[in-house]
PDB file of all heavy atoms in Angstrom:
ATOM      1  N   PHE A   1      22.798  44.568 159.544  1.00  0.00           N
ATOM      2  CA  PHE A   1      23.933  45.484 159.478  1.00  0.00           C
ATOM      3  C   PHE A   1      23.527  46.969 159.428  1.00  0.00           C
ATOM      4  O   PHE A   1      24.326  47.902 159.494  1.00  0.00           O
ATOM      5  CB  PHE A   1      24.717  45.195 158.185  1.00  0.00           C
ATOM      6  CG  PHE A   1      25.490  43.909 158.230  1.00  0.00           C
ATOM      7  CD1 PHE A   1      26.059  43.401 157.071  1.00  0.00           C
ATOM      8  CD2 PHE A   1      25.693  43.269 159.359  1.00  0.00           C
ATOM      9  CE1 PHE A   1      26.819  42.336 157.112  1.00  0.00           C
ATOM     10  CE2 PHE A   1      26.468  42.100 159.444  1.00  0.00           C
ATOM     11  CZ  PHE A   1      27.059  41.607 158.320  1.00  0.00           C
ATOM     12  N   THR A   2      22.212  47.258 159.391  1.00  0.00           N
ATOM     13  CA  THR A   2      21.755  48.652 159.237  1.00  0.00           C
ATOM     14  C   THR A   2      21.624  49.380 160.604  1.00  0.00           C
ATOM     15  O   THR A   2      21.533  50.573 160.742  1.00  0.00           O
ATOM     16  CB  THR A   2      20.429  48.684 158.615  1.00  0.00           C
ATOM     17  OG1 THR A   2      19.531  48.019 159.324  1.00  0.00           O
ATOM     18  CG2 THR A   2      20.481  48.086 157.162  1.00  0.00           C
ATOM     19  N   LYS A   3      21.806  48.526 161.729  1.00  0.00           N
ATOM     20  CA  LYS A   3      21.675  49.103 162.980  1.00  0.00           C
ATOM     21  C   LYS A   3      22.990  49.849 163.302  1.00  0.00           C
ATOM     22  O   LYS A   3      24.098  49.556 162.779  1.00  0.00           O
ATOM     23  CB  LYS A   3      21.427  47.998 164.058  1.00  0.00           C
ATOM     24  CG  LYS A   3      20.105  47.295 163.997  1.00  0.00           C
ATOM     25  CD  LYS A   3      19.930  46.336 165.022  1.00  0.00           C
ATOM     26  CE  LYS A   3      18.474  45.756 164.975  1.00  0.00           C
ATOM     27  NZ  LYS A   3      18.249  44.736 166.008  1.00  0.00           N
ATOM     28  N   ALA A   4      22.860  50.863 164.196  1.00  0.00           N
ATOM     29  CA  ALA A   4      24.034  51.721 164.567  1.00  0.00           C
ATOM     30  C   ALA A   4      25.046  50.805 165.242  1.00  0.00           C
ATOM     31  O   ALA A   4      24.780  49.724 165.873  1.00  0.00           O
ATOM     32  CB  ALA A   4      23.633  52.815 165.445  1.00  0.00           C
ATOM     33  N   GLY A   5      26.247  51.278 165.147  1.00  0.00           N
ATOM     34  CA  GLY A   5      27.464  50.595 165.945  1.00  0.00           C
ATOM     35  C   GLY A   5      28.059  49.662 164.933  1.00  0.00           C
ATOM     36  O   GLY A   5      27.400  48.956 164.171  1.00  0.00           O
ATOM     37  N   GLY A   6      29.355  49.614 164.948  1.00  0.00           N
ATOM     38  CA  GLY A   6      30.122  48.667 164.208  1.00  0.00           C
ATOM     39  C   GLY A   6      30.697  49.327 162.977  1.00  0.00           C
ATOM     40  O   GLY A   6      29.978  49.971 162.178  1.00  0.00           O
ATOM     41  N   THR A   7      31.873  49.334 162.665  1.00  0.00           N
ATOM     42  CA  THR A   7      32.523  49.877 161.504  1.00  0.00           C
ATOM     43  C   THR A   7      33.433  48.855 160.757  1.00  0.00           C
ATOM     44  O   THR A   7      34.359  49.304 159.926  1.00  0.00           O
ATOM     45  CB  THR A   7      33.427  51.053 161.972  1.00  0.00           C
ATOM     46  OG1 THR A   7      34.397  50.570 162.885  1.00  0.00           O
ATOM     47  CG2 THR A   7      32.600  52.090 162.700  1.00  0.00           C
ATOM     48  N   THR A   8      33.100  47.515 160.889  1.00  0.00           N
ATOM     49  CA  THR A   8      33.939  46.479 160.143  1.00  0.00           C
ATOM     50  C   THR A   8      33.719  46.645 158.661  1.00  0.00           C
ATOM     51  O   THR A   8      32.721  47.224 158.191  1.00  0.00           O
ATOM     52  CB  THR A   8      33.553  45.124 160.609  1.00  0.00           C
ATOM     53  OG1 THR A   8      32.143  44.906 160.189  1.00  0.00           O
ATOM     54  CG2 THR A   8      33.667  44.923 162.113  1.00  0.00           C
ATOM     55  N   LYS A   9      34.612  46.085 157.925  1.00  0.00           N
ATOM     56  CA  LYS A   9      34.629  46.070 156.472  1.00  0.00           C
ATOM     57  C   LYS A   9      33.341  45.334 156.090  1.00  0.00           C
ATOM     58  O   LYS A   9      32.679  45.738 155.048  1.00  0.00           O
ATOM     59  CB  LYS A   9      35.817  45.411 155.911  1.00  0.00           C
ATOM     60  CG  LYS A   9      37.081  46.147 156.033  1.00  0.00           C
ATOM     61  CD  LYS A   9      38.283  45.601 155.470  1.00  0.00           C
ATOM     62  CE  LYS A   9      39.567  46.361 155.623  1.00  0.00           C
ATOM     63  NZ  LYS A   9      40.710  45.687 155.041  1.00  0.00           N
ATOM     64  N   ASP A  10      33.031  44.209 156.711  1.00  0.00           N
ATOM     65  CA  ASP A  10      31.853  43.395 156.343  1.00  0.00           C
ATOM     66  C   ASP A  10      30.482  44.295 156.471  1.00  0.00           C
ATOM     67  O   ASP A  10      29.669  44.268 155.581  1.00  0.00           O
ATOM     68  CB  ASP A  10      31.721  42.144 157.084  1.00  0.00           C
ATOM     69  CG  ASP A  10      32.616  41.112 156.557  1.00  0.00           C
ATOM     70  OD1 ASP A  10      33.215  41.322 155.444  1.00  0.00           O
ATOM     71  OD2 ASP A  10      32.988  40.157 157.338  1.00  0.00           O
ATOM     72  N   LYS A  11      30.446  45.063 157.581  1.00  0.00           N
ATOM     73  CA  LYS A  11      29.244  45.865 157.738  1.00  0.00           C
ATOM     74  C   LYS A  11      29.229  46.908 156.667  1.00  0.00           C
ATOM     75  O   LYS A  11      28.084  47.192 156.075  1.00  0.00           O
ATOM     76  CB  LYS A  11      29.275  46.512 159.164  1.00  0.00           C
ATOM     77  CG  LYS A  11      28.984  45.569 160.255  1.00  0.00           C
ATOM     78  CD  LYS A  11      28.881  46.360 161.620  1.00  0.00           C
ATOM     79  CE  LYS A  11      28.575  45.392 162.723  1.00  0.00           C
ATOM     80  NZ  LYS A  11      28.586  46.153 163.987  1.00  0.00           N
ATOM     81  N   ALA A  12      30.313  47.474 156.307  1.00  0.00           N
ATOM     82  CA  ALA A  12      30.293  48.489 155.244  1.00  0.00           C
ATOM     83  C   ALA A  12      29.904  47.916 153.973  1.00  0.00           C
ATOM     84  O   ALA A  12      29.156  48.438 153.184  1.00  0.00           O
ATOM     85  CB  ALA A  12      31.690  49.174 155.148  1.00  0.00           C
ATOM     86  N   ALA A  13      30.448  46.673 153.721  1.00  0.00           N
ATOM     87  CA  ALA A  13      30.165  46.035 152.448  1.00  0.00           C
ATOM     88  C   ALA A  13      28.722  45.717 152.339  1.00  0.00           C
ATOM     89  O   ALA A  13      28.012  45.795 151.310  1.00  0.00           O
ATOM     90  CB  ALA A  13      31.110  44.738 152.232  1.00  0.00           C
ATOM     91  N   PHE A  14      28.114  45.200 153.435  1.00  0.00           N
ATOM     92  CA  PHE A  14      26.764  44.799 153.463  1.00  0.00           C
ATOM     93  C   PHE A  14      25.875  46.054 153.218  1.00  0.00           C
ATOM     94  O   PHE A  14      24.832  46.062 152.368  1.00  0.00           O
ATOM     95  CB  PHE A  14      26.342  44.179 154.818  1.00  0.00           C
ATOM     96  CG  PHE A  14      25.021  43.724 154.837  1.00  0.00           C
ATOM     97  CD1 PHE A  14      24.587  42.634 154.280  1.00  0.00           C
ATOM     98  CD2 PHE A  14      23.995  44.469 155.642  1.00  0.00           C
ATOM     99  CE1 PHE A  14      23.257  42.179 154.281  1.00  0.00           C
ATOM    100  CE2 PHE A  14      22.666  44.076 155.628  1.00  0.00           C
ATOM    101  CZ  PHE A  14      22.318  42.912 155.026  1.00  0.00           C
ATOM    102  N   GLN A  15      26.233  47.211 153.832  1.00  0.00           N
ATOM    103  CA  GLN A  15      25.449  48.431 153.553  1.00  0.00           C
ATOM    104  C   GLN A  15      25.559  48.847 152.092  1.00  0.00           C
ATOM    105  O   GLN A  15      24.628  49.295 151.490  1.00  0.00           O
ATOM    106  CB  GLN A  15      25.942  49.559 154.523  1.00  0.00           C
ATOM    107  CG  GLN A  15      25.549  49.207 155.985  1.00  0.00           C
ATOM    108  CD  GLN A  15      26.289  50.352 156.862  1.00  0.00           C
ATOM    109  OE1 GLN A  15      27.083  51.054 156.426  1.00  0.00           O
ATOM    110  NE2 GLN A  15      25.816  50.310 158.161  1.00  0.00           N
ATOM    111  N   SER A  16      26.708  48.599 151.489  1.00  0.00           N
ATOM    112  CA  SER A  16      26.906  49.012 150.132  1.00  0.00           C
ATOM    113  C   SER A  16      26.019  48.131 149.242  1.00  0.00           C
ATOM    114  O   SER A  16      25.422  48.521 148.271  1.00  0.00           O
ATOM    115  CB  SER A  16      28.384  48.790 149.724  1.00  0.00           C
ATOM    116  OG  SER A  16      28.483  48.986 148.351  1.00  0.00           O
ATOM    117  N   VAL A  17      25.936  46.894 149.546  1.00  0.00           N
ATOM    118  CA  VAL A  17      25.006  45.925 148.871  1.00  0.00           C
ATOM    119  C   VAL A  17      23.621  46.284 148.858  1.00  0.00           C
ATOM    120  O   VAL A  17      22.853  46.352 147.823  1.00  0.00           O
ATOM    121  CB  VAL A  17      25.146  44.475 149.334  1.00  0.00           C
ATOM    122  CG1 VAL A  17      24.086  43.540 148.823  1.00  0.00           C
ATOM    123  CG2 VAL A  17      26.496  43.874 149.040  1.00  0.00           C
ATOM    124  N   ILE A  18      23.148  46.756 150.086  1.00  0.00           N
ATOM    125  CA  ILE A  18      21.754  47.148 150.194  1.00  0.00           C
ATOM    126  C   ILE A  18      21.504  48.413 149.541  1.00  0.00           C
ATOM    127  O   ILE A  18      20.449  48.543 148.740  1.00  0.00           O
ATOM    128  CB  ILE A  18      21.387  47.331 151.711  1.00  0.00           C
ATOM    129  CG1 ILE A  18      21.508  45.971 152.478  1.00  0.00           C
ATOM    130  CG2 ILE A  18      20.052  48.017 151.878  1.00  0.00           C
ATOM    131  CD1 ILE A  18      21.283  46.016 153.917  1.00  0.00           C
ATOM    132  N   GLN A  19      22.414  49.413 149.612  1.00  0.00           N
ATOM    133  CA  GLN A  19      22.317  50.689 148.880  1.00  0.00           C
ATOM    134  C   GLN A  19      22.276  50.433 147.377  1.00  0.00           C
ATOM    135  O   GLN A  19      21.571  51.212 146.657  1.00  0.00           O
ATOM    136  CB  GLN A  19      23.336  51.605 149.339  1.00  0.00           C
ATOM    137  CG  GLN A  19      23.119  52.049 150.779  1.00  0.00           C
ATOM    138  CD  GLN A  19      24.297  52.837 151.360  1.00  0.00           C
ATOM    139  OE1 GLN A  19      25.323  53.107 150.597  1.00  0.00           O
ATOM    140  NE2 GLN A  19      24.268  53.260 152.617  1.00  0.00           N
ATOM    141  N   SER A  20      23.103  49.629 146.926  1.00  0.00           N
ATOM    142  CA  SER A  20      23.281  49.440 145.433  1.00  0.00           C
ATOM    143  C   SER A  20      22.073  48.640 144.831  1.00  0.00           C
ATOM    144  O   SER A  20      21.892  48.821 143.630  1.00  0.00           O
ATOM    145  CB  SER A  20      24.526  48.720 145.117  1.00  0.00           C
ATOM    146  OG  SER A  20      24.543  47.355 145.547  1.00  0.00           O
ATOM    147  N   GLY A  21      21.329  47.846 145.638  1.00  0.00           N
ATOM    148  CA  GLY A  21      20.354  47.065 145.191  1.00  0.00           C
ATOM    149  C   GLY A  21      20.766  45.655 144.488  1.00  0.00           C
ATOM    150  O   GLY A  21      19.960  44.997 144.026  1.00  0.00           O
ATOM    151  N   ASP A  22      22.067  45.594 144.419  1.00  0.00           N
ATOM    152  CA  ASP A  22      22.697  44.336 143.913  1.00  0.00           C
ATOM    153  C   ASP A  22      22.484  43.208 144.899  1.00  0.00           C
ATOM    154  O   ASP A  22      23.074  43.273 146.018  1.00  0.00           O
ATOM    155  CB  ASP A  22      24.098  44.552 143.537  1.00  0.00           C
ATOM    156  CG  ASP A  22      24.693  43.402 142.744  1.00  0.00           C
ATOM    157  OD1 ASP A  22      24.023  42.371 142.568  1.00  0.00           O
ATOM    158  OD2 ASP A  22      25.843  43.556 142.226  1.00  0.00           O
ATOM    159  N   PRO A  23      21.843  42.126 144.558  1.00  0.00           N
ATOM    160  CA  PRO A  23      21.620  41.026 145.574  1.00  0.00           C
ATOM    161  C   PRO A  23      22.919  40.240 145.906  1.00  0.00           C
ATOM    162  O   PRO A  23      22.963  39.634 146.976  1.00  0.00           O
ATOM    163  CB  PRO A  23      20.606  40.096 144.860  1.00  0.00           C
ATOM    164  CG  PRO A  23      20.736  40.337 143.438  1.00  0.00           C
ATOM    165  CD  PRO A  23      21.112  41.823 143.299  1.00  0.00           C
ATOM    166  N   LEU A  24      23.898  40.219 144.989  1.00  0.00           N
ATOM    167  CA  LEU A  24      25.025  39.457 145.264  1.00  0.00           C
ATOM    168  C   LEU A  24      26.259  40.392 145.048  1.00  0.00           C
ATOM    169  O   LEU A  24      26.385  41.086 143.883  1.00  0.00           O
ATOM    170  CB  LEU A  24      25.158  38.265 144.505  1.00  0.00           C
ATOM    171  CG  LEU A  24      24.222  37.089 144.787  1.00  0.00           C
ATOM    172  CD1 LEU A  24      24.342  36.005 143.736  1.00  0.00           C
ATOM    173  CD2 LEU A  24      24.487  36.516 146.168  1.00  0.00           C
ATOM    174  N   THR A  25      27.281  40.344 145.782  1.00  0.00           N
ATOM    175  CA  THR A  25      28.624  40.936 145.577  1.00  0.00           C
ATOM    176  C   THR A  25      29.632  39.945 145.881  1.00  0.00           C
ATOM    177  O   THR A  25      29.624  39.355 146.918  1.00  0.00           O
ATOM    178  CB  THR A  25      28.841  42.254 146.333  1.00  0.00           C
ATOM    179  OG1 THR A  25      27.771  43.174 146.005  1.00  0.00           O
ATOM    180  CG2 THR A  25      30.125  42.811 146.066  1.00  0.00           C
ATOM    181  N   VAL A  26      30.571  39.680 144.952  1.00  0.00           N
ATOM    182  CA  VAL A  26      31.635  38.800 145.094  1.00  0.00           C
ATOM    183  C   VAL A  26      32.959  39.390 145.141  1.00  0.00           C
ATOM    184  O   VAL A  26      33.262  40.276 144.314  1.00  0.00           O
ATOM    185  CB  VAL A  26      31.636  37.725 143.918  1.00  0.00           C
ATOM    186  CG1 VAL A  26      32.801  36.677 144.147  1.00  0.00           C
ATOM    187  CG2 VAL A  26      30.285  37.042 143.876  1.00  0.00           C
ATOM    188  N   GLN A  27      33.695  39.047 146.276  1.00  0.00           N
ATOM    189  CA  GLN A  27      35.080  39.568 146.352  1.00  0.00           C
ATOM    190  C   GLN A  27      36.030  38.491 146.088  1.00  0.00           C
ATOM    191  O   GLN A  27      35.911  37.356 146.803  1.00  0.00           O
ATOM    192  CB  GLN A  27      35.279  40.191 147.787  1.00  0.00           C
ATOM    193  CG  GLN A  27      34.424  41.377 148.071  1.00  0.00           C
ATOM    194  CD  GLN A  27      34.626  41.896 149.545  1.00  0.00           C
ATOM    195  OE1 GLN A  27      35.254  41.232 150.345  1.00  0.00           O
ATOM    196  NE2 GLN A  27      34.152  43.065 149.795  1.00  0.00           N
ATOM    197  N   VAL A  28      36.879  38.575 145.152  1.00  0.00           N
ATOM    198  CA  VAL A  28      37.905  37.556 144.849  1.00  0.00           C
ATOM    199  C   VAL A  28      39.304  38.335 144.885  1.00  0.00           C
ATOM    200  O   VAL A  28      39.533  39.289 144.186  1.00  0.00           O
ATOM    201  CB  VAL A  28      37.710  36.902 143.485  1.00  0.00           C
ATOM    202  CG1 VAL A  28      38.849  35.873 143.305  1.00  0.00           C
ATOM    203  CG2 VAL A  28      36.316  36.232 143.456  1.00  0.00           C
ATOM    204  N   TYR A  29      40.176  37.717 145.669  1.00  0.00           N
ATOM    205  CA  TYR A  29      41.541  38.300 145.793  1.00  0.00           C
ATOM    206  C   TYR A  29      42.571  37.261 146.177  1.00  0.00           C
ATOM    207  O   TYR A  29      42.171  36.375 146.872  1.00  0.00           O
ATOM    208  CB  TYR A  29      41.512  39.568 146.792  1.00  0.00           C
ATOM    209  CG  TYR A  29      41.046  39.081 148.208  1.00  0.00           C
ATOM    210  CD1 TYR A  29      41.978  38.728 149.096  1.00  0.00           C
ATOM    211  CD2 TYR A  29      39.729  39.089 148.495  1.00  0.00           C
ATOM    212  CE1 TYR A  29      41.641  38.242 150.499  1.00  0.00           C
ATOM    213  CE2 TYR A  29      39.229  38.641 149.802  1.00  0.00           C
ATOM    214  CZ  TYR A  29      40.186  38.265 150.663  1.00  0.00           C
ATOM    215  OH  TYR A  29      39.798  37.864 151.917  1.00  0.00           O
ATOM    216  N   PRO A  30      43.869  37.313 145.812  1.00  0.00           N
ATOM    217  CA  PRO A  30      44.311  38.278 144.719  1.00  0.00           C
ATOM    218  C   PRO A  30      43.818  37.761 143.419  1.00  0.00           C
ATOM    219  O   PRO A  30      43.716  36.551 143.184  1.00  0.00           O
ATOM    220  CB  PRO A  30      45.867  38.307 144.850  1.00  0.00           C
ATOM    221  CG  PRO A  30      46.042  36.902 145.381  1.00  0.00           C
ATOM    222  CD  PRO A  30      44.928  36.560 146.350  1.00  0.00           C
ATOM    223  N   ASN A  31      43.630  38.637 142.396  1.00  0.00           N
ATOM    224  CA  ASN A  31      43.247  38.231 141.056  1.00  0.00           C
ATOM    225  C   ASN A  31      43.764  39.178 140.046  1.00  0.00           C
ATOM    226  O   ASN A  31      43.399  40.389 140.088  1.00  0.00           O
ATOM    227  CB  ASN A  31      41.691  38.246 140.959  1.00  0.00           C
ATOM    228  CG  ASN A  31      41.180  37.688 139.631  1.00  0.00           C
ATOM    229  OD1 ASN A  31      41.903  37.016 138.866  1.00  0.00           O
ATOM    230  ND2 ASN A  31      39.907  38.094 139.170  1.00  0.00           N
ATOM    231  N   PRO A  32      44.796  38.861 139.272  1.00  0.00           N
ATOM    232  CA  PRO A  32      45.344  37.505 139.170  1.00  0.00           C
ATOM    233  C   PRO A  32      46.090  37.024 140.289  1.00  0.00           C
ATOM    234  O   PRO A  32      46.518  37.760 141.175  1.00  0.00           O
ATOM    235  CB  PRO A  32      46.316  37.631 137.923  1.00  0.00           C
ATOM    236  CG  PRO A  32      46.135  39.024 137.437  1.00  0.00           C
ATOM    237  CD  PRO A  32      45.480  39.850 138.425  1.00  0.00           C
ATOM    238  N   THR A  33      46.473  35.668 140.271  1.00  0.00           N
ATOM    239  CA  THR A  33      47.295  35.090 141.280  1.00  0.00           C
ATOM    240  C   THR A  33      48.172  33.989 140.754  1.00  0.00           C
ATOM    241  O   THR A  33      48.014  33.529 139.536  1.00  0.00           O
ATOM    242  CB  THR A  33      46.363  34.359 142.323  1.00  0.00           C
ATOM    243  OG1 THR A  33      47.160  33.968 143.417  1.00  0.00           O
ATOM    244  CG2 THR A  33      45.622  33.288 141.795  1.00  0.00           C
ATOM    245  N   VAL A  34      49.192  33.596 141.488  1.00  0.00           N
ATOM    246  CA  VAL A  34      50.032  32.568 141.060  1.00  0.00           C
ATOM    247  C   VAL A  34      49.812  31.290 141.873  1.00  0.00           C
ATOM    248  O   VAL A  34      50.429  30.289 141.675  1.00  0.00           O
ATOM    249  CB  VAL A  34      51.586  32.946 141.123  1.00  0.00           C
ATOM    250  CG1 VAL A  34      51.931  34.040 140.162  1.00  0.00           C
ATOM    251  CG2 VAL A  34      51.902  33.449 142.618  1.00  0.00           C
TER     252      VAL A  34
END
């Protein structure tokens, strides 16, 4: 995901993971839910 090109949310999230140094990021939505 570090290569140029591409502006999807996953690429951005992946770059965020690498920059933060956090090995795992979990997205849960909606939370709360019915």
